[in-house]
Protein backbone atom coordinates (compact mmCIF):
# COMPACT_ATOMS: atom_id res chain seq x y z
CA MET A 1 -2.71 -4.62 5.14
CA ARG A 2 1.00 -4.29 4.72
CA ALA A 3 2.01 -0.52 5.60
CA LEU A 4 5.40 -0.84 4.45
CA LYS A 5 5.99 -0.86 0.55
CA ILE A 6 9.71 -1.20 -1.08
CA LEU A 7 10.78 -0.07 -4.38
CA ALA A 8 14.44 -0.41 -5.93
CA GLY A 9 16.29 0.88 -8.90
CA PRO A 10 17.04 -1.87 -11.35
CA ARG A 11 20.67 -2.54 -9.44
CA ALA A 12 19.24 -2.57 -6.30
CA LEU A 13 16.38 -4.86 -7.44
CA ALA A 14 18.92 -7.20 -8.34
CA HIS A 15 20.80 -6.92 -5.18
CA LEU A 16 17.39 -7.65 -2.91
CA ARG A 17 15.82 -10.69 -5.16
CA ASP A 18 19.58 -12.54 -4.98
CA ARG A 19 20.57 -11.50 -1.51
CA GLY A 20 18.57 -9.86 0.62
CA LEU A 21 19.89 -6.69 2.39
CA GLN A 22 22.47 -6.32 5.29
CA PRO A 23 23.91 -3.53 7.26
CA ASP A 24 26.45 -3.95 5.27
CA ASP A 25 25.11 -3.52 2.06
CA VAL A 26 24.66 0.32 2.84
CA ARG A 27 26.69 3.27 1.97
CA VAL A 28 24.33 6.06 1.69
CA VAL A 29 21.15 7.18 3.48
CA PRO A 30 19.57 10.34 2.36
CA ALA A 31 16.61 12.33 4.25
CA ALA A 32 13.76 14.74 1.42
CA ALA A 33 12.69 17.89 2.56
CA GLY A 34 8.89 17.42 4.02
CA GLY A 35 8.31 18.91 6.85
CA PRO A 36 5.67 16.30 9.20
CA LYS A 37 5.62 14.31 7.00
CA GLY A 38 9.05 13.44 8.20
CA LEU A 39 7.62 12.36 11.07
CA ILE A 40 5.99 9.10 9.89
CA LEU A 41 9.45 7.68 9.07
CA ASN A 42 10.92 8.09 12.64
CA PRO A 43 10.18 4.39 14.05
CA LEU A 44 11.93 3.50 11.31
CA ASP A 45 14.56 5.70 11.42
CA ARG A 46 14.79 4.56 15.26
CA TYR A 47 14.96 0.98 13.70
CA ILE A 48 17.53 1.64 11.71
CA PHE A 49 19.79 3.90 13.16
CA GLY A 50 19.54 2.69 16.50
CA HIS A 51 19.70 -1.14 15.79
CA TRP A 52 20.14 -2.32 12.39
CA LEU A 53 22.86 -0.19 11.63
CA THR A 54 24.68 -0.40 14.72
CA ARG A 55 26.06 -3.77 13.20
CA SER A 56 27.86 -2.17 9.97
CA THR A 57 31.60 -2.37 9.68
CA GLN A 58 30.97 0.21 6.56
CA ARG A 59 31.20 3.71 6.88
CA VAL A 60 27.61 5.42 6.14
CA HIS A 61 27.11 8.53 4.96
CA LEU A 62 24.11 10.23 6.16
CA LEU A 63 22.75 13.33 3.51
CA GLY A 64 19.91 15.57 4.95
CA ALA A 65 17.74 18.50 3.89
CA SER A 66 15.66 20.56 5.75
CA ILE A 67 13.89 18.39 8.32
CA GLY A 68 16.25 15.26 6.71
CA ALA A 69 19.13 17.71 7.95
CA TRP A 70 17.65 17.17 11.51
CA ARG A 71 16.97 13.82 11.43
CA MET A 72 20.47 12.65 9.95
CA ALA A 73 21.97 15.13 12.56
CA ALA A 74 19.99 12.69 15.52
CA ALA A 75 21.20 9.79 13.39
CA ALA A 76 24.49 10.65 13.61
CA MET A 77 24.43 10.93 17.77
CA PRO A 78 26.11 8.17 20.04
CA ASP A 79 22.09 6.95 20.91
CA ALA A 80 20.76 7.55 17.64
CA ASP A 81 17.47 5.66 18.66
CA ALA A 82 17.16 7.96 22.08
CA SER A 83 18.08 11.52 20.24
CA LEU A 84 15.17 10.29 17.25
CA ALA A 85 13.33 9.81 19.57
CA GLN A 86 13.78 13.12 21.19
CA MET A 87 13.23 14.74 18.18
CA ALA A 88 10.10 13.51 17.10
CA GLU A 89 9.09 14.69 20.62
CA ASP A 90 10.25 18.51 19.77
CA TYR A 91 8.75 18.06 16.56
CA ILE A 92 5.52 17.31 17.17
CA THR A 93 5.09 20.02 20.38
CA GLN A 94 6.69 23.26 18.78
CA ARG A 95 4.65 25.93 19.69
CA TYR A 96 5.13 29.63 19.20
CA GLU A 97 3.73 32.55 20.45
CA HIS A 98 1.27 34.31 18.40
CA ALA A 99 -2.05 36.70 18.08
CA PRO A 100 -5.08 34.54 18.10
CA GLY A 101 -5.43 33.77 14.55
CA ARG A 102 -2.79 34.89 13.46
CA ALA A 103 0.40 33.04 12.40
CA PRO A 104 3.49 33.42 14.64
CA THR A 105 6.23 35.76 13.07
CA ALA A 106 9.13 33.97 10.83
CA SER A 107 11.67 36.13 13.20
CA HIS A 108 10.00 34.15 16.55
CA VAL A 109 9.77 30.94 14.83
CA SER A 110 13.48 30.37 13.56
CA GLN A 111 14.82 32.43 16.87
CA THR A 112 12.70 29.54 18.64
CA LEU A 113 14.23 26.69 16.56
CA ALA A 114 18.09 28.54 16.81
CA ARG A 115 17.66 27.87 20.85
CA LEU A 116 15.90 23.96 20.37
CA LEU A 117 19.03 23.15 17.78
CA HIS A 118 21.37 24.59 19.70
CA GLN A 119 20.45 22.50 23.10
CA ARG A 120 19.78 19.30 20.54
CA LEU A 121 22.37 19.54 18.31
CA GLY A 122 24.90 21.96 19.32
CA LEU A 123 26.08 21.60 22.39
CA HIS A 124 26.71 17.63 21.38
CA ALA A 125 28.18 18.63 17.91
CA SER A 126 31.36 17.02 18.54
CA GLU A 127 29.64 13.61 19.77
CA ALA A 128 27.99 13.54 16.53
CA LEU A 129 31.26 14.64 14.22
CA ALA A 130 32.96 11.97 15.86
CA HIS A 131 30.88 9.03 15.31
CA PRO A 132 32.80 6.16 13.96
CA GLN A 133 31.10 4.93 11.11
CA ARG A 134 28.85 8.00 10.02
CA ARG A 135 29.67 10.56 8.24
CA LEU A 136 27.03 13.40 8.43
CA HIS A 137 26.41 16.07 5.02
CA ILE A 138 23.86 18.88 5.16
CA PHE A 139 22.34 20.03 2.39
CA ALA A 140 21.27 23.96 2.68
CA SER A 141 19.97 26.46 -0.41
CA ARG A 142 22.62 29.59 -1.08
CA GLY A 143 21.05 32.66 -2.48
CA ARG A 144 23.18 34.54 -4.87
CA HIS A 145 22.46 38.31 -6.75
CA VAL A 146 19.26 39.87 -5.83
CA LEU A 147 18.52 36.97 -2.92
CA ALA A 148 22.03 36.81 -1.62
CA ARG A 149 20.54 38.66 1.72
CA GLN A 150 17.09 38.79 2.95
CA GLY A 151 15.14 41.79 2.50
CA ARG A 152 11.17 42.91 2.72
CA ALA A 153 11.50 43.63 -1.56
CA ARG A 154 14.14 41.53 -2.93
CA THR A 155 12.97 38.07 -1.30
CA PRO A 156 9.55 37.72 -2.91
CA LEU A 157 11.59 39.17 -6.18
CA GLY A 158 14.19 36.80 -5.97
CA TYR A 159 11.91 33.73 -5.07
CA ALA A 160 9.74 35.02 -7.90
CA GLY A 161 12.68 34.59 -10.38
CA ALA A 162 14.06 31.50 -9.46
CA PHE A 163 10.68 29.85 -9.55
CA LEU A 164 10.42 31.12 -13.10
CA ALA A 165 14.13 30.69 -14.17
CA ASN A 166 13.41 26.58 -12.85
CA ALA A 167 10.42 26.73 -14.98
CA ALA A 168 12.78 26.66 -17.95
CA ARG A 169 15.30 24.32 -16.64
CA ARG A 170 16.31 23.44 -12.98
CA GLY A 171 19.60 24.02 -13.93
CA ALA A 172 18.42 28.02 -14.29
CA LEU A 173 17.59 27.85 -10.71
CA GLY A 174 21.75 27.93 -10.25
CA ALA A 175 21.46 31.58 -11.71
CA TRP A 176 19.61 32.74 -7.90
CA MET A 177 20.15 30.08 -5.90
CA GLU A 178 23.55 27.42 -5.00
CA ARG A 179 23.66 24.46 -3.42
CA VAL A 180 25.93 24.53 -0.41
CA VAL A 181 27.05 20.81 1.39
CA PHE A 182 28.14 21.37 4.99
CA GLY A 183 29.88 17.70 5.21
CA ASP A 184 31.70 15.81 7.77
CA PRO A 185 35.46 16.57 6.83
CA ARG A 186 36.98 13.10 7.48
CA ASP A 187 35.83 11.91 4.16
CA ALA A 188 33.76 13.04 1.16
CA LEU A 189 30.81 11.80 -0.40
CA PRO A 190 31.02 9.22 -2.53
CA LEU A 191 29.22 10.61 -5.53
CA PRO A 192 29.47 13.07 -8.04
CA LEU A 193 27.63 16.90 -6.83
CA SER A 194 27.75 18.18 -10.80
CA ASP A 195 24.19 18.06 -11.56
CA PHE A 196 23.82 21.61 -10.15
CA ARG A 197 25.76 24.52 -9.06
CA THR A 198 27.39 23.18 -5.68
CA GLN A 199 29.63 24.64 -3.62
CA GLN A 200 31.10 22.34 -0.24
CA ALA A 201 32.27 23.30 3.50
CA ALA A 202 33.24 21.63 6.24
CA LEU A 203 31.07 20.80 8.94
CA THR A 204 32.21 21.82 12.38
CA PRO A 205 31.25 21.52 16.00
CA ALA A 206 30.89 25.34 15.57
CA ASN A 207 28.60 25.43 12.37
CA LEU A 208 26.22 22.29 12.58
CA SER A 209 23.40 23.70 14.10
CA ALA A 210 23.36 26.66 12.04
CA ALA A 211 23.79 24.94 8.82
CA VAL A 212 20.64 22.42 10.48
CA LEU A 213 19.15 25.81 11.30
CA ALA A 214 19.24 27.13 7.61
CA SER A 215 18.81 23.79 6.36
CA CYS A 216 15.45 24.14 7.64
CA SER A 217 14.40 27.49 7.26
CA ILE A 218 11.63 27.85 4.82
CA PRO A 219 11.26 30.96 2.76
CA PHE A 220 8.83 33.51 4.45
CA TRP A 221 8.18 30.22 7.31
CA LEU A 222 11.64 31.12 8.66
CA ASP A 223 14.00 33.73 8.38
CA ALA A 224 16.97 33.33 6.17
CA VAL A 225 20.14 32.05 8.30
CA HIS A 226 23.08 34.36 6.89
CA ASP A 227 27.12 34.01 6.64
CA ILE A 228 27.48 30.48 8.52
CA PRO A 229 30.70 30.15 10.13
CA GLY A 230 33.02 28.34 7.56
CA GLY A 231 30.60 28.31 4.78
CA PRO A 232 30.62 31.23 1.92
CA SER A 233 29.32 34.58 2.66
CA GLY A 234 25.76 35.21 2.22
CA ALA A 235 21.92 33.95 3.12
CA TYR A 236 20.97 30.28 3.57
CA TRP A 237 17.49 29.00 2.98
CA ASP A 238 15.81 25.63 3.43
CA GLY A 239 18.26 22.55 1.44
CA GLY A 240 14.96 21.66 -0.05
CA ILE A 241 14.65 24.65 -2.25
CA THR A 242 17.63 23.07 -4.36
CA ASP A 243 17.14 19.48 -3.08
CA TYR A 244 13.86 18.56 -2.13
CA HIS A 245 14.02 14.99 -2.20
CA LEU A 246 18.22 14.75 -3.08
CA HIS A 247 17.48 12.82 -6.26
CA LEU A 248 21.22 12.79 -6.71
CA ASN A 249 23.52 10.66 -8.77
CA TYR A 250 24.07 7.60 -6.61
CA ALA A 251 24.78 5.34 -9.63
CA ALA A 252 27.69 6.84 -9.53
CA MET A 253 28.99 5.28 -6.40
CA ASP A 254 31.23 2.01 -7.27
CA ARG A 255 29.79 0.12 -4.66
CA GLY A 256 27.02 -0.51 -2.25
CA LEU A 257 23.62 0.12 -1.81
CA VAL A 258 21.47 3.38 -0.85
CA LEU A 259 18.79 2.71 1.69
CA TYR A 260 16.08 5.23 0.82
CA PRO A 261 13.16 5.90 4.23
CA HIS A 262 10.86 8.04 2.17
CA PHE A 263 7.03 9.30 2.75
CA GLN A 264 6.10 8.94 -0.81
CA ALA A 265 7.01 7.10 -3.94
CA GLN A 266 8.65 9.81 -6.28
CA VAL A 267 11.83 11.73 -6.00
CA VAL A 268 11.63 15.27 -6.70
CA PRO A 269 14.33 16.73 -7.66
CA GLY A 270 14.10 20.60 -6.38
CA TRP A 271 11.61 21.99 -4.26
CA PHE A 272 10.45 24.37 -7.38
CA ASP A 273 9.54 20.62 -9.17
CA LYS A 274 6.63 19.87 -7.03
CA VAL A 275 4.36 21.70 -9.55
CA TRP A 276 6.45 20.00 -12.17
CA LYS A 277 4.89 16.42 -12.74
CA ARG A 278 7.44 14.78 -15.36
CA ARG A 279 10.92 15.74 -12.93
CA HIS A 280 9.16 13.27 -10.80
CA ARG A 281 9.85 10.15 -12.75
CA SER A 282 12.76 7.97 -11.50
CA THR A 283 15.68 8.04 -13.48
CA PRO A 284 19.41 5.99 -14.01
CA ALA A 285 20.79 8.37 -11.19
CA LEU A 286 18.58 5.80 -8.67
CA ASP A 287 19.65 2.29 -10.06
CA ASN A 288 21.42 1.52 -6.92
CA VAL A 289 18.64 3.04 -4.59
CA VAL A 290 16.04 0.93 -2.10
CA LEU A 291 13.13 3.06 -1.45
CA LEU A 292 11.30 2.70 1.75
CA VAL A 293 7.81 4.49 1.72
CA PRO A 294 4.38 3.73 3.47
CA HIS A 295 1.52 2.18 0.96
CA ALA A 296 -1.02 4.23 0.44
CA ASP A 297 -4.12 2.63 1.44
CA TRP A 298 -2.06 2.10 5.12
CA THR A 299 -2.04 5.89 4.63
CA ARG A 300 -5.21 6.41 4.40
CA THR A 301 -5.60 5.03 7.50
CA LEU A 302 -4.32 7.60 9.82
CA PRO A 303 -5.71 11.04 10.77
CA GLY A 304 -7.47 12.44 8.47
CA GLY A 305 -6.29 10.18 5.87
CA LYS A 306 -3.17 11.18 5.12
CA LEU A 307 0.36 12.00 6.40
CA PRO A 308 0.90 14.59 8.98
CA ASP A 309 1.76 17.93 6.62
CA ARG A 310 2.80 21.67 6.87
CA GLY A 311 -0.69 22.53 6.08
CA ASP A 312 -2.36 20.72 9.77
CA PHE A 313 -0.67 24.07 11.40
CA LYS A 314 -3.40 26.39 9.68
CA SER A 315 -6.19 23.60 9.30
CA TYR A 316 -5.98 22.69 13.41
CA GLY A 317 -5.33 26.34 14.23
CA ASP A 318 -5.01 27.32 17.60
CA ASP A 319 -6.58 24.05 18.99
CA PHE A 320 -2.67 23.05 19.73
CA GLU A 321 -3.81 19.51 21.53
CA GLY A 322 -6.01 18.67 18.42
CA ARG A 323 -2.72 19.03 16.09
CA VAL A 324 -0.72 16.97 19.00
CA ARG A 325 -3.06 14.39 19.39
CA ALA A 326 -3.60 13.84 15.52
CA TRP A 327 0.27 13.36 15.21
CA ARG A 328 0.75 11.36 18.32
CA VAL A 329 -1.81 8.48 16.57
CA ALA A 330 0.36 9.03 12.93
CA LEU A 331 3.57 8.19 14.43
CA ALA A 332 2.37 5.52 16.49
CA GLU A 333 0.33 3.88 13.80
CA SER A 334 3.99 4.43 12.09
CA GLN A 335 6.00 1.66 14.55
CA ARG A 336 4.24 -0.74 11.88
CA LEU A 337 6.86 0.74 8.80
CA ALA A 338 9.75 -0.20 11.33
CA ASP A 339 8.57 -3.91 12.56
CA GLU A 340 7.67 -4.23 8.67
CA PHE A 341 11.50 -3.69 7.36
CA ALA A 342 12.32 -5.45 10.52
CA GLY A 343 10.93 -8.90 9.67
CA LEU A 344 12.08 -8.84 6.00
CA VAL A 345 15.94 -7.99 7.14
CA ALA A 346 15.68 -10.17 9.98
CA THR A 347 15.59 -13.46 7.71
CA GLY A 348 18.34 -13.07 5.38
CA ARG A 349 16.72 -14.41 2.66
CA PRO A 350 15.80 -12.60 -0.59
CA ILE A 351 13.65 -9.33 -0.26
CA GLU A 352 10.70 -8.92 -3.31
CA ALA A 353 10.43 -5.17 -4.10
CA ALA A 354 8.88 -3.55 -7.33
CA PRO A 355 10.50 -1.73 -9.86
CA LEU A 356 10.65 2.69 -8.71
CA GLY A 357 8.33 4.40 -11.78
């Protein structure tokens, strides 16, 4: 049984079948929201950023939302392999004070995560933003109108309105939330962001950890991050609200491929789109995307027959050691994803892939 499955848009599929995949082919790497599911990609990330892409002579843009923002910030560090390994350890062993049988408060989770991100990223932000070839872009969701500030009543009301607006049309969500991209000021993204209401801000050493914290701030699980330095004022939440899996217009790029390590075969546009299956289909925007995903049969061999997910915090309850043990097993097993990818790209030969569905 193979662990890794490769899917590709039409242009990318032709490229793989004709020339295989080389580091210089890759121009963009997106990283999705999805909480603990992203752990399954850690060994693959470590191989791609810590070893394979180090041979690239091209500029590579790293795009991240939520846990994907944390992953890509770690990948931009000088020793990406070590930084990504530390990120996985930090994520697996995260622990928050709480009363027995009760969830920790959002404020406590935010404060604890903020300290960790400052230590891992904030103190080393200049190094991430000085990488000679990698350009980091962090996606966050900024509230508008009633969601412009967090509040006991206004936040639930605003999210109810946002959900209903998005149900009618994804673009209508822009009346409640907008995408803010904190990007490396040295180079703009090589693709348009005209599909959704968007503002851009410069990513700097002073705001890197705040931008990543905002991008990771799941509504009601964490507090909003207010007034990030260098960005428009207001309340920021999880980047996955507007860009759950970063389904962007990659096909508008004039050259190069998008290499997308992902935990599922669908690239879902926004967080509220999870319930609308018709919005999960591939589109022409993914024409040049190479998607690396785990085989469903292999996933069923993991603890619980599934990927790690946020529901594990509830199902394991106060059994911290049980959750950590299960996640460590899943992480160890996911080394197969990295090994299989390494074997495919080592030969330089054409690579067979399935069309994106």
